[in-house]
Every structure is written in C-alpha cells, then in structure tokens.
Amino acid sequence: MLMAVLIPLLVNGLAYGAAWISGLVQFSVPSNIIPKPLPNPANPILRLGWTMFLSMTLVTAFFSIFLTPGEEIGWRGFMLTRLVEAKVPAPLLVSGLIWGLFHVPDILSGQYKPGGGPNIWLALALFFVSLVAFSYFLNWLRLRSGSIWPCILAHGAWNAVTQVGLNPLVHGANAQLWIGESGILVALVAVIVIVAFYRLWPLREMLRQPEQPIVNGEKA
C-alpha cells in the first residue's frame, strides 16, 4: 500500500520538478489555492504545502473510493488474471494496451484531455506510453499482493497527484506538452522508473506459472 502511493509521487515529482528546474514550464500558485483559514497565513510556502497535502489526501481517498474501483475491478481484478491464466504472451503489455485503447474514443472526441499540447495524435501517443508504463506497476501490485486494493489506491493517488496536486501549479504556453498525463517528461520518467522498478522486483516466477494465478493472496 505504501508503494501504491510512493511510485505516483516519485514519477510525477521527478517529471514536474525537471520541467520547473529546466524552465520548460513556470511554477505559479493561483491565489485561490491557498485558503486563508489554514495555519501559518504569513508563510505562503507552508500554507501551500499544507493545502496540497490535505487536497491530495482527500482527493486520493475520493478517487480511490468512488472513481477508480470500477476500472481496477475490471482491468486488474478480472482481465489481468485471466490473461495470465490463459497463458497469453506478454500479459502485462497486453493488459496495458487494452486499457489504453479503452481511453481512445474519449481522447479523440475531446471528452478526455490528458494534455500533450495541441496535437491530439501526439497527446494520444504520449498518453499510451505513460499509461502502459503505469499499468505495469498496477499489474505488479495486483500480482504481488493478490488484491486489487493497492491498485485502487495507486490509481487514485496518480489522479490526485496530477490533477489536483501538480497541474494547478504549472503555467506556460507549452506546459501541457511537457507535463500532465500525456506530457513528454511524464512519459519518459514513467518508463525509466517502471523499468528500474521491474529490475529490482521482477515478476518472472509468477508469470512462469500462469495456471496458478494469485487470488486473495493465495495460489488458486
């Protein structure tokens, strides 16, 4: 459960931090993001940190409880385990690609805008990279823990960190080209972090025995 929160923070923290430090985007704090009733009203940095902590905590809980369980029950709870059990080649990749294709109609129709600048096809391609990389981590959580709850928490944490915690602090004409769910830096950092993650904690042993999927912490 701790990893479920730390990895979304690490990936997005590195990507957004690199964007700010390099000057690709500007750091800005909207006036309405720091409510006056919070402690230390004379210190905007402390107020900002306290506000973001509360916001991400509450929104992570909201996303985790109400919005992400439906996806995670379907993608990681059902589809992933069936792909592994059926001995589908590269089940983690296939799972991520199917999850990405699920979002294509919303992106092309404009109902879901993950960023990526004005070019919708570039946004779609970058979104696919980020999403497939993140799906590898969600799949790892599911197979390692035998539960979908870490996946639900990680999915909620990712949405909270990007949509509530960091996106409001970004300013610049090309900001969405570099950061956001289909930003260049987010996609790049996500791939690097997840590849390193899998090097440290591989799933080879579990994937060698697809006829015995991990369910509720035990082999079926």
C-alpha atoms as a PDB file:
ATOM      1  CA  MET A   1       0.000   0.000   0.000  1.00  0.00           C
ATOM      2  CA  LEU A   2       2.929   2.302   0.691  1.00  0.00           C
ATOM      3  CA  MET A   3       4.416   1.620  -2.751  1.00  0.00           C
ATOM      4  CA  ALA A   4       0.998   2.382  -4.253  1.00  0.00           C
ATOM      5  CA  VAL A   5       1.348   5.977  -3.064  1.00  0.00           C
ATOM      6  CA  LEU A   6       5.121   6.439  -3.395  1.00  0.00           C
ATOM      7  CA  ILE A   7       5.505   5.500  -7.076  1.00  0.00           C
ATOM      8  CA  PRO A   8       2.903   8.023  -8.381  1.00  0.00           C
ATOM      9  CA  LEU A   9       4.560  10.677  -6.203  1.00  0.00           C
ATOM     10  CA  LEU A  10       8.033   9.726  -7.441  1.00  0.00           C
ATOM     11  CA  VAL A  11       7.201   9.641 -11.158  1.00  0.00           C
ATOM     12  CA  ASN A  12       5.265  12.887 -11.210  1.00  0.00           C
ATOM     13  CA  GLY A  13       7.529  14.621  -8.718  1.00  0.00           C
ATOM     14  CA  LEU A  14      10.571  13.935 -10.895  1.00  0.00           C
ATOM     15  CA  ALA A  15       8.796  14.894 -14.128  1.00  0.00           C
ATOM     16  CA  TYR A  16       7.236  18.126 -12.870  1.00  0.00           C
ATOM     17  CA  GLY A  17      10.377  19.017 -10.926  1.00  0.00           C
ATOM     18  CA  ALA A  18      12.509  18.614 -14.054  1.00  0.00           C
ATOM     19  CA  ALA A  19      10.074  20.771 -16.023  1.00  0.00           C
ATOM     20  CA  TRP A  20      10.241  23.579 -13.448  1.00  0.00           C
ATOM     21  CA  ILE A  21      14.011  23.426 -12.930  1.00  0.00           C
ATOM     22  CA  SER A  22      14.745  23.377 -16.661  1.00  0.00           C
ATOM     23  CA  GLY A  23      12.422  26.317 -17.310  1.00  0.00           C
ATOM     24  CA  LEU A  24      10.244  24.377 -19.735  1.00  0.00           C
ATOM     25  CA  VAL A  25       7.256  25.392 -17.618  1.00  0.00           C
ATOM     26  CA  GLN A  26       6.768  28.043 -14.980  1.00  0.00           C
ATOM     27  CA  PHE A  27       5.823  27.442 -11.355  1.00  0.00           C
ATOM     28  CA  SER A  28       2.829  29.506 -10.312  1.00  0.00           C
ATOM     29  CA  VAL A  29       0.416  29.366  -7.409  1.00  0.00           C
ATOM     30  CA  PRO A  30      -3.137  30.534  -8.153  1.00  0.00           C
ATOM     31  CA  SER A  31      -4.413  32.892  -5.476  1.00  0.00           C
ATOM     32  CA  ASN A  32      -7.412  30.702  -4.745  1.00  0.00           C
ATOM     33  CA  ILE A  33      -5.308  27.607  -4.000  1.00  0.00           C
ATOM     34  CA  ILE A  34      -4.150  28.871  -0.588  1.00  0.00           C
ATOM     35  CA  PRO A  35      -7.193  29.316   1.645  1.00  0.00           C
ATOM     36  CA  LYS A  36      -6.806  31.834   4.454  1.00  0.00           C
ATOM     37  CA  PRO A  37      -8.079  29.706   7.366  1.00  0.00           C
ATOM     38  CA  LEU A  38      -5.088  27.350   7.156  1.00  0.00           C
ATOM     39  CA  PRO A  39      -2.264  27.657   9.720  1.00  0.00           C
ATOM     40  CA  ASN A  40       0.706  29.999   9.178  1.00  0.00           C
ATOM     41  CA  PRO A  41      -1.087  32.561   6.959  1.00  0.00           C
ATOM     42  CA  ALA A  42       2.093  34.654   6.762  1.00  0.00           C
ATOM     43  CA  ASN A  43       4.119  31.826   5.222  1.00  0.00           C
ATOM     44  CA  PRO A  44       2.832  31.016   1.710  1.00  0.00           C
ATOM     45  CA  ILE A  45       5.176  28.040   1.276  1.00  0.00           C
ATOM     46  CA  LEU A  46       3.912  26.324   4.433  1.00  0.00           C
ATOM     47  CA  ARG A  47       0.330  27.148   3.535  1.00  0.00           C
ATOM     48  CA  LEU A  48       0.840  25.774   0.046  1.00  0.00           C
ATOM     49  CA  GLY A  49       2.379  22.567   1.357  1.00  0.00           C
ATOM     50  CA  TRP A  50      -0.367  22.084   3.941  1.00  0.00           C
ATOM     51  CA  THR A  51      -3.055  22.795   1.364  1.00  0.00           C
ATOM     52  CA  MET A  52      -1.612  20.356  -1.172  1.00  0.00           C
ATOM     53  CA  PHE A  53      -1.223  17.678   1.491  1.00  0.00           C
ATOM     54  CA  LEU A  54      -4.851  17.981   2.553  1.00  0.00           C
ATOM     55  CA  SER A  55      -6.097  18.246  -1.025  1.00  0.00           C
ATOM     56  CA  MET A  56      -4.207  15.210  -2.302  1.00  0.00           C
ATOM     57  CA  THR A  57      -5.145  13.169   0.771  1.00  0.00           C
ATOM     58  CA  LEU A  58      -8.839  13.940   0.402  1.00  0.00           C
ATOM     59  CA  VAL A  59      -8.910  13.610  -3.379  1.00  0.00           C
ATOM     60  CA  THR A  60      -6.900  10.375  -3.292  1.00  0.00           C
ATOM     61  CA  ALA A  61      -9.480   8.997  -0.889  1.00  0.00           C
ATOM     62  CA  PHE A  62     -12.306  10.240  -3.132  1.00  0.00           C
ATOM     63  CA  PHE A  63     -10.788   8.787  -6.310  1.00  0.00           C
ATOM     64  CA  SER A  64      -9.933   5.524  -4.552  1.00  0.00           C
ATOM     65  CA  ILE A  65     -13.370   5.032  -3.016  1.00  0.00           C
ATOM     66  CA  PHE A  66     -15.691   6.272  -5.760  1.00  0.00           C
ATOM     67  CA  LEU A  67     -13.967   6.564  -9.143  1.00  0.00           C
ATOM     68  CA  THR A  68     -11.157   4.051  -9.618  1.00  0.00           C
ATOM     69  CA  PRO A  69     -12.617   0.795  -8.166  1.00  0.00           C
ATOM     70  CA  GLY A  70     -14.715   0.140 -11.268  1.00  0.00           C
ATOM     71  CA  GLU A  71     -11.709   0.243 -13.579  1.00  0.00           C
ATOM     72  CA  GLU A  72      -9.451  -1.710 -11.261  1.00  0.00           C
ATOM     73  CA  ILE A  73     -12.002  -4.453 -10.618  1.00  0.00           C
ATOM     74  CA  GLY A  74     -12.279  -4.920 -14.373  1.00  0.00           C
ATOM     75  CA  TRP A  75      -8.708  -4.405 -15.586  1.00  0.00           C
ATOM     76  CA  ARG A  76      -6.582  -5.774 -12.760  1.00  0.00           C
ATOM     77  CA  GLY A  77      -9.135  -7.775 -10.824  1.00  0.00           C
ATOM     78  CA  PHE A  78     -10.532  -9.732 -13.768  1.00  0.00           C
ATOM     79  CA  MET A  79      -8.780  -9.174 -17.089  1.00  0.00           C
ATOM     80  CA  LEU A  80      -5.145  -9.373 -15.937  1.00  0.00           C
ATOM     81  CA  THR A  81      -5.592 -12.610 -14.016  1.00  0.00           C
ATOM     82  CA  ARG A  82      -7.465 -14.175 -16.947  1.00  0.00           C
ATOM     83  CA  LEU A  83      -4.723 -13.162 -19.395  1.00  0.00           C
ATOM     84  CA  VAL A  84      -2.088 -14.741 -17.155  1.00  0.00           C
ATOM     85  CA  GLU A  85      -4.172 -17.845 -16.578  1.00  0.00           C
ATOM     86  CA  ALA A  86      -4.792 -18.246 -20.328  1.00  0.00           C
ATOM     87  CA  LYS A  87      -1.009 -18.039 -20.977  1.00  0.00           C
ATOM     88  CA  VAL A  88      -1.414 -15.033 -23.277  1.00  0.00           C
ATOM     89  CA  PRO A  89       2.064 -13.883 -24.376  1.00  0.00           C
ATOM     90  CA  ALA A  90       3.242 -10.719 -22.586  1.00  0.00           C
ATOM     91  CA  PRO A  91       0.081 -10.412 -20.461  1.00  0.00           C
ATOM     92  CA  LEU A  92       1.267  -7.254 -18.700  1.00  0.00           C
ATOM     93  CA  LEU A  93       1.807  -5.465 -22.011  1.00  0.00           C
ATOM     94  CA  VAL A  94      -1.460  -6.748 -23.495  1.00  0.00           C
ATOM     95  CA  SER A  95      -3.324  -5.594 -20.412  1.00  0.00           C
ATOM     96  CA  GLY A  96      -1.827  -2.109 -20.706  1.00  0.00           C
ATOM     97  CA  LEU A  97      -2.588  -1.844 -24.424  1.00  0.00           C
ATOM     98  CA  ILE A  98      -6.226  -2.829 -23.891  1.00  0.00           C
ATOM     99  CA  TRP A  99      -6.506  -0.310 -21.070  1.00  0.00           C
ATOM    100  CA  GLY A 100      -5.075   2.358 -23.368  1.00  0.00           C
ATOM    101  CA  LEU A 101      -7.420   1.517 -26.228  1.00  0.00           C
ATOM    102  CA  PHE A 102     -10.329   1.911 -23.821  1.00  0.00           C
ATOM    103  CA  HIS A 103      -9.448   5.629 -23.494  1.00  0.00           C
ATOM    104  CA  VAL A 104      -9.008   6.339 -27.218  1.00  0.00           C
ATOM    105  CA  PRO A 105     -12.649   7.280 -28.021  1.00  0.00           C
ATOM    106  CA  ASP A 106     -12.780   9.760 -25.135  1.00  0.00           C
ATOM    107  CA  ILE A 107      -9.477  11.383 -26.171  1.00  0.00           C
ATOM    108  CA  LEU A 108     -10.312  11.639 -29.885  1.00  0.00           C
ATOM    109  CA  SER A 109     -13.771  13.021 -29.130  1.00  0.00           C
ATOM    110  CA  GLY A 110     -12.326  15.640 -26.793  1.00  0.00           C
ATOM    111  CA  GLN A 111     -14.192  14.381 -23.734  1.00  0.00           C
ATOM    112  CA  TYR A 112     -10.933  13.496 -22.020  1.00  0.00           C
ATOM    113  CA  LYS A 113      -7.929  15.795 -22.441  1.00  0.00           C
ATOM    114  CA  PRO A 114      -4.808  14.337 -20.846  1.00  0.00           C
ATOM    115  CA  GLY A 115      -2.513  17.089 -22.161  1.00  0.00           C
ATOM    116  CA  GLY A 116       0.194  16.668 -24.783  1.00  0.00           C
ATOM    117  CA  GLY A 117      -0.236  20.081 -26.352  1.00  0.00           C
ATOM    118  CA  PRO A 118      -2.464  20.979 -29.326  1.00  0.00           C
ATOM    119  CA  ASN A 119      -1.634  17.883 -31.399  1.00  0.00           C
ATOM    120  CA  ILE A 120      -4.190  15.273 -30.418  1.00  0.00           C
ATOM    121  CA  TRP A 121      -2.258  12.413 -32.055  1.00  0.00           C
ATOM    122  CA  LEU A 122       0.908  13.307 -30.154  1.00  0.00           C
ATOM    123  CA  ALA A 123      -1.161  13.505 -26.972  1.00  0.00           C
ATOM    124  CA  LEU A 124      -2.614  10.082 -27.683  1.00  0.00           C
ATOM    125  CA  ALA A 125       0.804   8.525 -28.342  1.00  0.00           C
ATOM    126  CA  LEU A 126       2.359  10.004 -25.195  1.00  0.00           C
ATOM    127  CA  PHE A 127      -0.670   9.057 -23.136  1.00  0.00           C
ATOM    128  CA  PHE A 128      -0.301   5.466 -24.339  1.00  0.00           C
ATOM    129  CA  VAL A 129       3.334   5.384 -23.235  1.00  0.00           C
ATOM    130  CA  SER A 130       2.549   6.779 -19.787  1.00  0.00           C
ATOM    131  CA  LEU A 131      -0.492   4.590 -19.311  1.00  0.00           C
ATOM    132  CA  VAL A 132       1.186   1.342 -20.384  1.00  0.00           C
ATOM    133  CA  ALA A 133       4.151   2.091 -18.103  1.00  0.00           C
ATOM    134  CA  PHE A 134       1.838   2.831 -15.178  1.00  0.00           C
ATOM    135  CA  SER A 135      -0.220  -0.278 -15.936  1.00  0.00           C
ATOM    136  CA  TYR A 136       2.918  -2.383 -15.453  1.00  0.00           C
ATOM    137  CA  PHE A 137       3.154  -1.006 -11.920  1.00  0.00           C
ATOM    138  CA  LEU A 138      -0.551  -1.616 -11.251  1.00  0.00           C
ATOM    139  CA  ASN A 139      -0.184  -5.163 -12.577  1.00  0.00           C
ATOM    140  CA  TRP A 140       2.808  -5.685 -10.284  1.00  0.00           C
ATOM    141  CA  LEU A 141       0.742  -4.534  -7.300  1.00  0.00           C
ATOM    142  CA  ARG A 142      -2.093  -6.876  -8.231  1.00  0.00           C
ATOM    143  CA  LEU A 143       0.056  -9.970  -8.689  1.00  0.00           C
ATOM    144  CA  ARG A 144       2.364  -9.313  -5.748  1.00  0.00           C
ATOM    145  CA  SER A 145      -0.370  -8.534  -3.231  1.00  0.00           C
ATOM    146  CA  GLY A 146      -3.137 -10.797  -4.512  1.00  0.00           C
ATOM    147  CA  SER A 147      -5.539  -7.899  -4.014  1.00  0.00           C
ATOM    148  CA  ILE A 148      -6.961  -5.046  -6.062  1.00  0.00           C
ATOM    149  CA  TRP A 149      -6.896  -2.594  -3.130  1.00  0.00           C
ATOM    150  CA  PRO A 150      -3.288  -1.452  -3.716  1.00  0.00           C
ATOM    151  CA  CYS A 151      -4.213  -0.904  -7.399  1.00  0.00           C
ATOM    152  CA  ILE A 152      -7.231   1.183  -6.419  1.00  0.00           C
ATOM    153  CA  LEU A 153      -5.099   3.283  -4.070  1.00  0.00           C
ATOM    154  CA  ALA A 154      -2.318   3.758  -6.653  1.00  0.00           C
ATOM    155  CA  HIS A 155      -4.785   4.740  -9.376  1.00  0.00           C
ATOM    156  CA  GLY A 156      -6.436   7.232  -7.043  1.00  0.00           C
ATOM    157  CA  ALA A 157      -3.061   8.604  -5.923  1.00  0.00           C
ATOM    158  CA  TRP A 158      -1.919   9.123  -9.532  1.00  0.00           C
ATOM    159  CA  ASN A 159      -5.081  11.050 -10.414  1.00  0.00           C
ATOM    160  CA  ALA A 160      -4.891  13.117  -7.240  1.00  0.00           C
ATOM    161  CA  VAL A 161      -1.197  13.984  -7.652  1.00  0.00           C
ATOM    162  CA  THR A 162      -1.520  15.062 -11.285  1.00  0.00           C
ATOM    163  CA  GLN A 163      -4.999  16.574 -11.478  1.00  0.00           C
ATOM    164  CA  VAL A 164      -5.185  18.217  -8.060  1.00  0.00           C
ATOM    165  CA  GLY A 165      -1.680  18.400  -6.637  1.00  0.00           C
ATOM    166  CA  LEU A 166       0.583  19.497  -9.506  1.00  0.00           C
ATOM    167  CA  ASN A 167      -1.350  20.634 -12.583  1.00  0.00           C
ATOM    168  CA  PRO A 168      -2.691  23.791 -10.863  1.00  0.00           C
ATOM    169  CA  LEU A 169       0.914  24.867 -10.150  1.00  0.00           C
ATOM    170  CA  VAL A 170       2.003  24.831 -13.805  1.00  0.00           C
ATOM    171  CA  HIS A 171       1.982  27.814 -16.145  1.00  0.00           C
ATOM    172  CA  GLY A 172       3.237  28.297 -19.687  1.00  0.00           C
ATOM    173  CA  ALA A 173       2.112  28.188 -23.296  1.00  0.00           C
ATOM    174  CA  ASN A 174       3.601  24.722 -23.893  1.00  0.00           C
ATOM    175  CA  ALA A 175       3.129  23.365 -20.392  1.00  0.00           C
ATOM    176  CA  GLN A 176       0.818  20.530 -21.395  1.00  0.00           C
ATOM    177  CA  LEU A 177       3.331  19.349 -23.964  1.00  0.00           C
ATOM    178  CA  TRP A 178       5.826  18.556 -21.204  1.00  0.00           C
ATOM    179  CA  ILE A 179       3.732  17.547 -18.204  1.00  0.00           C
ATOM    180  CA  GLY A 180       0.337  16.045 -17.491  1.00  0.00           C
ATOM    181  CA  GLU A 181      -0.825  12.523 -18.220  1.00  0.00           C
ATOM    182  CA  SER A 182       0.418  12.792 -21.807  1.00  0.00           C
ATOM    183  CA  GLY A 183       3.377  15.080 -21.235  1.00  0.00           C
ATOM    184  CA  ILE A 184       6.767  14.191 -22.711  1.00  0.00           C
ATOM    185  CA  LEU A 185       8.572  14.308 -19.368  1.00  0.00           C
ATOM    186  CA  VAL A 186       5.919  12.287 -17.540  1.00  0.00           C
ATOM    187  CA  ALA A 187       6.032   9.576 -20.206  1.00  0.00           C
ATOM    188  CA  LEU A 188       9.846   9.485 -20.171  1.00  0.00           C
ATOM    189  CA  VAL A 189      10.161   9.391 -16.379  1.00  0.00           C
ATOM    190  CA  ALA A 190       7.375   6.806 -16.067  1.00  0.00           C
ATOM    191  CA  VAL A 191       9.192   4.431 -18.419  1.00  0.00           C
ATOM    192  CA  ILE A 192      12.550   4.900 -16.653  1.00  0.00           C
ATOM    193  CA  VAL A 193      11.112   4.459 -13.146  1.00  0.00           C
ATOM    194  CA  ILE A 194       8.992   1.421 -14.027  1.00  0.00           C
ATOM    195  CA  VAL A 195      11.839  -0.306 -15.890  1.00  0.00           C
ATOM    196  CA  ALA A 196      14.097   0.243 -12.864  1.00  0.00           C
ATOM    197  CA  PHE A 197      11.293  -0.947 -10.590  1.00  0.00           C
ATOM    198  CA  TYR A 198      10.905  -4.204 -12.528  1.00  0.00           C
ATOM    199  CA  ARG A 199      14.641  -4.736 -12.494  1.00  0.00           C
ATOM    200  CA  LEU A 200      14.587  -4.603  -8.701  1.00  0.00           C
ATOM    201  CA  TRP A 201      11.381  -6.590  -8.155  1.00  0.00           C
ATOM    202  CA  PRO A 202      10.641  -8.797 -11.192  1.00  0.00           C
ATOM    203  CA  LEU A 203       7.561 -10.955 -11.620  1.00  0.00           C
ATOM    204  CA  ARG A 204       9.181 -13.792 -13.553  1.00  0.00           C
ATOM    205  CA  GLU A 205       8.328 -16.504 -11.041  1.00  0.00           C
ATOM    206  CA  MET A 206       4.623 -15.645 -11.040  1.00  0.00           C
ATOM    207  CA  LEU A 207       4.422 -15.370 -14.811  1.00  0.00           C
ATOM    208  CA  ARG A 208       6.032 -18.815 -15.229  1.00  0.00           C
ATOM    209  CA  GLN A 209       3.026 -20.382 -13.535  1.00  0.00           C
ATOM    210  CA  PRO A 210       0.002 -18.748 -15.188  1.00  0.00           C
ATOM    211  CA  GLU A 211      -2.165 -21.751 -14.395  1.00  0.00           C
ATOM    212  CA  GLN A 212      -1.945 -20.733 -10.708  1.00  0.00           C
ATOM    213  CA  PRO A 213      -2.943 -17.038 -10.566  1.00  0.00           C
ATOM    214  CA  ILE A 214      -2.609 -15.139  -7.345  1.00  0.00           C
ATOM    215  CA  VAL A 215      -6.059 -14.613  -5.861  1.00  0.00           C
ATOM    216  CA  ASN A 216      -6.638 -13.104  -2.426  1.00  0.00           C
ATOM    217  CA  GLY A 217      -3.021 -13.638  -1.509  1.00  0.00           C
ATOM    218  CA  GLU A 218      -3.031 -17.385  -2.299  1.00  0.00           C
ATOM    219  CA  LYS A 219      -2.493 -19.503  -5.378  1.00  0.00           C
ATOM    220  CA  ALA A 220      -5.761 -20.777  -6.774  1.00  0.00           C
END
